[in-house]
Amino acid sequence: NSYCEKAKTLLNDFDNEEIKQSLITMLDYV
């Protein structure tokens, strides 16, 4: 879960919210 949260913060600077949400959902799914 620690690595999961660190991964999510790496998406903060990207603009495409739809794709960011897909990647966050992928993390949660894994």
PDB file of all heavy atoms in Angstrom:
ATOM      1  N   ASN A   1       0.821  -1.209   0.000  1.00  0.00           N
ATOM      2  CA  ASN A   1       0.000   0.000   0.000  1.00  0.00           C
ATOM      3  C   ASN A   1       0.857   1.262   0.000  1.00  0.00           C
ATOM      4  O   ASN A   1       0.468   2.289  -0.572  1.00  0.00           O
ATOM      5  CB  ASN A   1      -0.951  -0.006   1.199  1.00  0.00           C
ATOM      6  CG  ASN A   1      -2.060  -1.036   1.046  1.00  0.00           C
ATOM      7  OD1 ASN A   1      -2.500  -1.321  -0.059  1.00  0.00           O
ATOM      8  ND2 ASN A   1      -2.511  -1.604   2.154  1.00  0.00           N
ATOM      9  N   SER A   2       2.035   1.196   0.613  1.00  0.00           N
ATOM     10  CA  SER A   2       2.956   2.326   0.614  1.00  0.00           C
ATOM     11  C   SER A   2       3.441   2.628  -0.804  1.00  0.00           C
ATOM     12  O   SER A   2       3.472   3.789  -1.234  1.00  0.00           O
ATOM     13  CB  SER A   2       4.143   2.030   1.530  1.00  0.00           C
ATOM     14  OG  SER A   2       5.136   3.031   1.414  1.00  0.00           O
ATOM     15  N   TYR A   3       3.809   1.583  -1.538  1.00  0.00           N
ATOM     16  CA  TYR A   3       4.233   1.775  -2.932  1.00  0.00           C
ATOM     17  C   TYR A   3       3.070   2.278  -3.785  1.00  0.00           C
ATOM     18  O   TYR A   3       3.261   3.093  -4.705  1.00  0.00           O
ATOM     19  CB  TYR A   3       4.783   0.464  -3.513  1.00  0.00           C
ATOM     20  CG  TYR A   3       6.235   0.231  -3.191  1.00  0.00           C
ATOM     21  CD1 TYR A   3       6.621  -0.656  -2.196  1.00  0.00           C
ATOM     22  CD2 TYR A   3       7.239   0.901  -3.889  1.00  0.00           C
ATOM     23  CE1 TYR A   3       7.960  -0.867  -1.882  1.00  0.00           C
ATOM     24  CE2 TYR A   3       8.578   0.697  -3.597  1.00  0.00           C
ATOM     25  CZ  TYR A   3       8.936  -0.189  -2.601  1.00  0.00           C
ATOM     26  OH  TYR A   3      10.257  -0.387  -2.304  1.00  0.00           O
ATOM     27  N   CYS A   4       1.864   1.815  -3.488  1.00  0.00           N
ATOM     28  CA  CYS A   4       0.676   2.259  -4.215  1.00  0.00           C
ATOM     29  C   CYS A   4       0.477   3.763  -4.060  1.00  0.00           C
ATOM     30  O   CYS A   4       0.240   4.478  -5.054  1.00  0.00           O
ATOM     31  CB  CYS A   4      -0.547   1.491  -3.708  1.00  0.00           C
ATOM     32  SG  CYS A   4      -2.107   1.974  -4.475  1.00  0.00           S
ATOM     33  N   GLU A   5       0.597   4.249  -2.853  1.00  0.00           N
ATOM     34  CA  GLU A   5       0.409   5.685  -2.608  1.00  0.00           C
ATOM     35  C   GLU A   5       1.518   6.513  -3.249  1.00  0.00           C
ATOM     36  O   GLU A   5       1.269   7.598  -3.782  1.00  0.00           O
ATOM     37  CB  GLU A   5       0.345   5.948  -1.103  1.00  0.00           C
ATOM     38  CG  GLU A   5      -0.900   5.384  -0.431  1.00  0.00           C
ATOM     39  CD  GLU A   5      -2.187   5.821  -1.122  1.00  0.00           C
ATOM     40  OE1 GLU A   5      -2.348   7.030  -1.372  1.00  0.00           O
ATOM     41  OE2 GLU A   5      -3.033   4.950  -1.415  1.00  0.00           O
ATOM     42  N   LYS A   6       2.747   6.016  -3.206  1.00  0.00           N
ATOM     43  CA  LYS A   6       3.857   6.734  -3.854  1.00  0.00           C
ATOM     44  C   LYS A   6       3.639   6.814  -5.365  1.00  0.00           C
ATOM     45  O   LYS A   6       3.944   7.838  -5.990  1.00  0.00           O
ATOM     46  CB  LYS A   6       5.188   6.040  -3.555  1.00  0.00           C
ATOM     47  CG  LYS A   6       5.687   6.217  -2.142  1.00  0.00           C
ATOM     48  CD  LYS A   6       7.164   5.871  -1.985  1.00  0.00           C
ATOM     49  CE  LYS A   6       7.440   4.411  -2.210  1.00  0.00           C
ATOM     50  NZ  LYS A   6       8.865   4.070  -1.962  1.00  0.00           N
ATOM     51  N   ALA A   7       3.098   5.750  -5.939  1.00  0.00           N
ATOM     52  CA  ALA A   7       2.827   5.752  -7.382  1.00  0.00           C
ATOM     53  C   ALA A   7       1.783   6.801  -7.744  1.00  0.00           C
ATOM     54  O   ALA A   7       1.909   7.509  -8.745  1.00  0.00           O
ATOM     55  CB  ALA A   7       2.369   4.357  -7.821  1.00  0.00           C
ATOM     56  N   LYS A   8       0.744   6.909  -6.931  1.00  0.00           N
ATOM     57  CA  LYS A   8      -0.330   7.876  -7.219  1.00  0.00           C
ATOM     58  C   LYS A   8       0.187   9.309  -7.250  1.00  0.00           C
ATOM     59  O   LYS A   8      -0.239  10.110  -8.088  1.00  0.00           O
ATOM     60  CB  LYS A   8      -1.444   7.733  -6.185  1.00  0.00           C
ATOM     61  CG  LYS A   8      -2.269   6.465  -6.345  1.00  0.00           C
ATOM     62  CD  LYS A   8      -3.345   6.348  -5.265  1.00  0.00           C
ATOM     63  CE  LYS A   8      -4.138   5.056  -5.432  1.00  0.00           C
ATOM     64  NZ  LYS A   8      -5.164   4.867  -4.394  1.00  0.00           N
ATOM     65  N   THR A   9       1.135   9.643  -6.370  1.00  0.00           N
ATOM     66  CA  THR A   9       1.649  11.023  -6.330  1.00  0.00           C
ATOM     67  C   THR A   9       2.411  11.374  -7.597  1.00  0.00           C
ATOM     68  O   THR A   9       2.525  12.557  -7.944  1.00  0.00           O
ATOM     69  CB  THR A   9       2.568  11.232  -5.109  1.00  0.00           C
ATOM     70  OG1 THR A   9       3.727  10.398  -5.225  1.00  0.00           O
ATOM     71  CG2 THR A   9       1.845  10.910  -3.816  1.00  0.00           C
ATOM     72  N   LEU A  10       2.929  10.365  -8.311  1.00  0.00           N
ATOM     73  CA  LEU A  10       3.696  10.623  -9.536  1.00  0.00           C
ATOM     74  C   LEU A  10       2.811  11.109 -10.681  1.00  0.00           C
ATOM     75  O   LEU A  10       3.321  11.585 -11.704  1.00  0.00           O
ATOM     76  CB  LEU A  10       4.440   9.353  -9.961  1.00  0.00           C
ATOM     77  CG  LEU A  10       5.590   8.934  -9.050  1.00  0.00           C
ATOM     78  CD1 LEU A  10       6.040   7.508  -9.368  1.00  0.00           C
ATOM     79  CD2 LEU A  10       6.774   9.898  -9.199  1.00  0.00           C
ATOM     80  N   LEU A  11       1.502  11.000 -10.523  1.00  0.00           N
ATOM     81  CA  LEU A  11       0.569  11.434 -11.575  1.00  0.00           C
ATOM     82  C   LEU A  11       0.105  12.874 -11.376  1.00  0.00           C
ATOM     83  O   LEU A  11      -0.603  13.415 -12.232  1.00  0.00           O
ATOM     84  CB  LEU A  11      -0.646  10.509 -11.608  1.00  0.00           C
ATOM     85  CG  LEU A  11      -0.375   9.020 -11.877  1.00  0.00           C
ATOM     86  CD1 LEU A  11      -1.678   8.230 -11.767  1.00  0.00           C
ATOM     87  CD2 LEU A  11       0.257   8.819 -13.250  1.00  0.00           C
ATOM     88  N   ASN A  12       0.502  13.503 -10.291  1.00  0.00           N
ATOM     89  CA  ASN A  12      -0.031  14.823  -9.932  1.00  0.00           C
ATOM     90  C   ASN A  12       0.190  15.888 -10.998  1.00  0.00           C
ATOM     91  O   ASN A  12      -0.642  16.781 -11.177  1.00  0.00           O
ATOM     92  CB  ASN A  12       0.575  15.305  -8.607  1.00  0.00           C
ATOM     93  CG  ASN A  12       0.045  14.519  -7.420  1.00  0.00           C
ATOM     94  OD1 ASN A  12      -0.971  13.834  -7.523  1.00  0.00           O
ATOM     95  ND2 ASN A  12       0.743  14.586  -6.293  1.00  0.00           N
ATOM     96  N   ASP A  13       1.304  15.823 -11.711  1.00  0.00           N
ATOM     97  CA  ASP A  13       1.653  16.894 -12.652  1.00  0.00           C
ATOM     98  C   ASP A  13       1.059  16.708 -14.044  1.00  0.00           C
ATOM     99  O   ASP A  13       1.287  17.538 -14.928  1.00  0.00           O
ATOM    100  CB  ASP A  13       3.182  17.008 -12.766  1.00  0.00           C
ATOM    101  CG  ASP A  13       3.826  17.456 -11.460  1.00  0.00           C
ATOM    102  OD1 ASP A  13       3.124  18.102 -10.654  1.00  0.00           O
ATOM    103  OD2 ASP A  13       5.005  17.137 -11.244  1.00  0.00           O
ATOM    104  N   PHE A  14       0.305  15.636 -14.255  1.00  0.00           N
ATOM    105  CA  PHE A  14      -0.277  15.390 -15.575  1.00  0.00           C
ATOM    106  C   PHE A  14      -1.699  15.964 -15.639  1.00  0.00           C
ATOM    107  O   PHE A  14      -2.412  16.010 -14.641  1.00  0.00           O
ATOM    108  CB  PHE A  14      -0.300  13.886 -15.880  1.00  0.00           C
ATOM    109  CG  PHE A  14       1.065  13.296 -16.099  1.00  0.00           C
ATOM    110  CD1 PHE A  14       1.798  12.792 -15.031  1.00  0.00           C
ATOM    111  CD2 PHE A  14       1.638  13.268 -17.362  1.00  0.00           C
ATOM    112  CE1 PHE A  14       3.061  12.246 -15.209  1.00  0.00           C
ATOM    113  CE2 PHE A  14       2.895  12.735 -17.566  1.00  0.00           C
ATOM    114  CZ  PHE A  14       3.615  12.229 -16.484  1.00  0.00           C
ATOM    115  N   ASP A  15      -2.100  16.396 -16.830  1.00  0.00           N
ATOM    116  CA  ASP A  15      -3.357  17.135 -16.981  1.00  0.00           C
ATOM    117  C   ASP A  15      -4.574  16.279 -17.333  1.00  0.00           C
ATOM    118  O   ASP A  15      -5.698  16.645 -17.002  1.00  0.00           O
ATOM    119  CB  ASP A  15      -3.197  18.206 -18.072  1.00  0.00           C
ATOM    120  CG  ASP A  15      -2.166  19.259 -17.688  1.00  0.00           C
ATOM    121  OD1 ASP A  15      -2.051  19.546 -16.476  1.00  0.00           O
ATOM    122  OD2 ASP A  15      -1.478  19.769 -18.584  1.00  0.00           O
ATOM    123  N   ASN A  16      -4.365  15.175 -18.026  1.00  0.00           N
ATOM    124  CA  ASN A  16      -5.503  14.393 -18.526  1.00  0.00           C
ATOM    125  C   ASN A  16      -6.149  13.622 -17.372  1.00  0.00           C
ATOM    126  O   ASN A  16      -5.708  12.545 -16.981  1.00  0.00           O
ATOM    127  CB  ASN A  16      -5.043  13.433 -19.624  1.00  0.00           C
ATOM    128  CG  ASN A  16      -6.199  12.776 -20.350  1.00  0.00           C
ATOM    129  OD1 ASN A  16      -7.199  12.410 -19.740  1.00  0.00           O
ATOM    130  ND2 ASN A  16      -6.066  12.626 -21.654  1.00  0.00           N
ATOM    131  N   GLU A  17      -7.227  14.176 -16.833  1.00  0.00           N
ATOM    132  CA  GLU A  17      -7.856  13.598 -15.638  1.00  0.00           C
ATOM    133  C   GLU A  17      -8.458  12.221 -15.910  1.00  0.00           C
ATOM    134  O   GLU A  17      -8.452  11.356 -15.029  1.00  0.00           O
ATOM    135  CB  GLU A  17      -8.938  14.544 -15.103  1.00  0.00           C
ATOM    136  CG  GLU A  17      -8.404  15.848 -14.538  1.00  0.00           C
ATOM    137  CD  GLU A  17      -7.470  15.642 -13.354  1.00  0.00           C
ATOM    138  OE1 GLU A  17      -7.686  14.663 -12.594  1.00  0.00           O
ATOM    139  OE2 GLU A  17      -6.524  16.432 -13.185  1.00  0.00           O
ATOM    140  N   GLU A  18      -8.981  12.004 -17.108  1.00  0.00           N
ATOM    141  CA  GLU A  18      -9.602  10.719 -17.424  1.00  0.00           C
ATOM    142  C   GLU A  18      -8.564   9.595 -17.415  1.00  0.00           C
ATOM    143  O   GLU A  18      -8.795   8.525 -16.836  1.00  0.00           O
ATOM    144  CB  GLU A  18     -10.289  10.794 -18.793  1.00  0.00           C
ATOM    145  CG  GLU A  18     -11.091   9.547 -19.126  1.00  0.00           C
ATOM    146  CD  GLU A  18     -11.751   9.620 -20.487  1.00  0.00           C
ATOM    147  OE1 GLU A  18     -11.215  10.315 -21.377  1.00  0.00           O
ATOM    148  OE2 GLU A  18     -12.798   8.964 -20.656  1.00  0.00           O
ATOM    149  N   ILE A  19      -7.420   9.841 -18.030  1.00  0.00           N
ATOM    150  CA  ILE A  19      -6.357   8.834 -18.064  1.00  0.00           C
ATOM    151  C   ILE A  19      -5.755   8.651 -16.676  1.00  0.00           C
ATOM    152  O   ILE A  19      -5.468   7.525 -16.248  1.00  0.00           O
ATOM    153  CB  ILE A  19      -5.255   9.217 -19.076  1.00  0.00           C
ATOM    154  CG1 ILE A  19      -5.844   9.361 -20.485  1.00  0.00           C
ATOM    155  CG2 ILE A  19      -4.141   8.176 -19.072  1.00  0.00           C
ATOM    156  CD1 ILE A  19      -6.372   8.090 -21.082  1.00  0.00           C
ATOM    157  N   LYS A  20      -5.562   9.753 -15.960  1.00  0.00           N
ATOM    158  CA  LYS A  20      -5.043   9.651 -14.590  1.00  0.00           C
ATOM    159  C   LYS A  20      -5.946   8.770 -13.734  1.00  0.00           C
ATOM    160  O   LYS A  20      -5.467   7.931 -12.965  1.00  0.00           O
ATOM    161  CB  LYS A  20      -4.917  11.049 -13.962  1.00  0.00           C
ATOM    162  CG  LYS A  20      -3.712  11.823 -14.423  1.00  0.00           C
ATOM    163  CD  LYS A  20      -3.782  13.296 -14.032  1.00  0.00           C
ATOM    164  CE  LYS A  20      -3.771  13.525 -12.544  1.00  0.00           C
ATOM    165  NZ  LYS A  20      -3.701  14.973 -12.213  1.00  0.00           N
ATOM    166  N   GLN A  21      -7.258   8.947 -13.885  1.00  0.00           N
ATOM    167  CA  GLN A  21      -8.194   8.144 -13.099  1.00  0.00           C
ATOM    168  C   GLN A  21      -8.084   6.668 -13.474  1.00  0.00           C
ATOM    169  O   GLN A  21      -8.184   5.788 -12.596  1.00  0.00           O
ATOM    170  CB  GLN A  21      -9.628   8.632 -13.296  1.00  0.00           C
ATOM    171  CG  GLN A  21     -10.636   7.950 -12.383  1.00  0.00           C
ATOM    172  CD  GLN A  21     -10.254   8.049 -10.915  1.00  0.00           C
ATOM    173  OE1 GLN A  21     -10.020   9.134 -10.382  1.00  0.00           O
ATOM    174  NE2 GLN A  21     -10.170   6.906 -10.231  1.00  0.00           N
ATOM    175  N   SER A  22      -7.880   6.376 -14.746  1.00  0.00           N
ATOM    176  CA  SER A  22      -7.707   4.981 -15.163  1.00  0.00           C
ATOM    177  C   SER A  22      -6.471   4.362 -14.517  1.00  0.00           C
ATOM    178  O   SER A  22      -6.493   3.209 -14.073  1.00  0.00           O
ATOM    179  CB  SER A  22      -7.596   4.883 -16.690  1.00  0.00           C
ATOM    180  OG  SER A  22      -8.865   4.954 -17.298  1.00  0.00           O
ATOM    181  N   LEU A  23      -5.385   5.134 -14.466  1.00  0.00           N
ATOM    182  CA  LEU A  23      -4.155   4.620 -13.867  1.00  0.00           C
ATOM    183  C   LEU A  23      -4.299   4.452 -12.351  1.00  0.00           C
ATOM    184  O   LEU A  23      -3.770   3.488 -11.774  1.00  0.00           O
ATOM    185  CB  LEU A  23      -2.982   5.544 -14.200  1.00  0.00           C
ATOM    186  CG  LEU A  23      -2.531   5.502 -15.667  1.00  0.00           C
ATOM    187  CD1 LEU A  23      -1.569   6.645 -15.967  1.00  0.00           C
ATOM    188  CD2 LEU A  23      -1.884   4.157 -15.992  1.00  0.00           C
ATOM    189  N   ILE A  24      -5.004   5.363 -11.713  1.00  0.00           N
ATOM    190  CA  ILE A  24      -5.260   5.232 -10.266  1.00  0.00           C
ATOM    191  C   ILE A  24      -6.142   4.010 -10.005  1.00  0.00           C
ATOM    192  O   ILE A  24      -5.901   3.234  -9.062  1.00  0.00           O
ATOM    193  CB  ILE A  24      -5.913   6.518  -9.712  1.00  0.00           C
ATOM    194  CG1 ILE A  24      -4.891   7.664  -9.703  1.00  0.00           C
ATOM    195  CG2 ILE A  24      -6.466   6.289  -8.306  1.00  0.00           C
ATOM    196  CD1 ILE A  24      -5.489   9.029  -9.438  1.00  0.00           C
ATOM    197  N   THR A  25      -7.152   3.821 -10.852  1.00  0.00           N
ATOM    198  CA  THR A  25      -8.018   2.647 -10.722  1.00  0.00           C
ATOM    199  C   THR A  25      -7.223   1.366 -10.944  1.00  0.00           C
ATOM    200  O   THR A  25      -7.470   0.343 -10.288  1.00  0.00           O
ATOM    201  CB  THR A  25      -9.196   2.718 -11.716  1.00  0.00           C
ATOM    202  OG1 THR A  25      -9.910   3.931 -11.519  1.00  0.00           O
ATOM    203  CG2 THR A  25     -10.153   1.543 -11.537  1.00  0.00           C
ATOM    204  N   MET A  26      -6.249   1.418 -11.870  1.00  0.00           N
ATOM    205  CA  MET A  26      -5.384   0.255 -12.100  1.00  0.00           C
ATOM    206  C   MET A  26      -4.601  -0.085 -10.836  1.00  0.00           C
ATOM    207  O   MET A  26      -4.496  -1.262 -10.446  1.00  0.00           O
ATOM    208  CB  MET A  26      -4.423   0.528 -13.255  1.00  0.00           C
ATOM    209  CG  MET A  26      -3.425  -0.597 -13.518  1.00  0.00           C
ATOM    210  SD  MET A  26      -4.203  -2.086 -14.178  1.00  0.00           S
ATOM    211  CE  MET A  26      -4.255  -1.664 -15.936  1.00  0.00           C
ATOM    212  N   LEU A  27      -4.052   0.923 -10.181  1.00  0.00           N
ATOM    213  CA  LEU A  27      -3.331   0.688  -8.927  1.00  0.00           C
ATOM    214  C   LEU A  27      -4.245   0.036  -7.888  1.00  0.00           C
ATOM    215  O   LEU A  27      -3.869  -0.951  -7.247  1.00  0.00           O
ATOM    216  CB  LEU A  27      -2.795   2.008  -8.373  1.00  0.00           C
ATOM    217  CG  LEU A  27      -1.468   2.519  -8.919  1.00  0.00           C
ATOM    218  CD1 LEU A  27      -1.290   3.991  -8.570  1.00  0.00           C
ATOM    219  CD2 LEU A  27      -0.300   1.702  -8.365  1.00  0.00           C
ATOM    220  N   ASP A  28      -5.434   0.594  -7.720  1.00  0.00           N
ATOM    221  CA  ASP A  28      -6.381   0.055  -6.742  1.00  0.00           C
ATOM    222  C   ASP A  28      -6.782  -1.375  -7.107  1.00  0.00           C
ATOM    223  O   ASP A  28      -6.925  -2.239  -6.237  1.00  0.00           O
ATOM    224  CB  ASP A  28      -7.620   0.946  -6.654  1.00  0.00           C
ATOM    225  CG  ASP A  28      -7.310   2.311  -6.054  1.00  0.00           C
ATOM    226  OD1 ASP A  28      -6.306   2.424  -5.325  1.00  0.00           O
ATOM    227  OD2 ASP A  28      -8.071   3.262  -6.316  1.00  0.00           O
ATOM    228  N   TYR A  29      -6.954  -1.623  -8.399  1.00  0.00           N
ATOM    229  CA  TYR A  29      -7.319  -2.959  -8.868  1.00  0.00           C
ATOM    230  C   TYR A  29      -6.215  -3.966  -8.524  1.00  0.00           C
ATOM    231  O   TYR A  29      -6.499  -5.078  -8.048  1.00  0.00           O
ATOM    232  CB  TYR A  29      -7.549  -2.931 -10.383  1.00  0.00           C
ATOM    233  CG  TYR A  29      -7.673  -4.298 -10.995  1.00  0.00           C
ATOM    234  CD1 TYR A  29      -8.860  -5.027 -10.880  1.00  0.00           C
ATOM    235  CD2 TYR A  29      -6.605  -4.874 -11.685  1.00  0.00           C
ATOM    236  CE1 TYR A  29      -8.972  -6.288 -11.435  1.00  0.00           C
ATOM    237  CE2 TYR A  29      -6.712  -6.133 -12.229  1.00  0.00           C
ATOM    238  CZ  TYR A  29      -7.889  -6.843 -12.104  1.00  0.00           C
ATOM    239  OH  TYR A  29      -7.992  -8.102 -12.657  1.00  0.00           O
ATOM    240  N   VAL A  30      -4.963  -3.584  -8.747  1.00  0.00           N
ATOM    241  CA  VAL A  30      -3.835  -4.489  -8.507  1.00  0.00           C
ATOM    242  C   VAL A  30      -3.746  -4.877  -7.032  1.00  0.00           C
ATOM    243  O   VAL A  30      -3.542  -6.048  -6.698  1.00  0.00           O
ATOM    244  CB  VAL A  30      -2.513  -3.839  -8.989  1.00  0.00           C
ATOM    245  CG1 VAL A  30      -1.296  -4.516  -8.373  1.00  0.00           C
ATOM    246  CG2 VAL A  30      -2.428  -3.900 -10.508  1.00  0.00           C
TER     247      VAL A  30
END
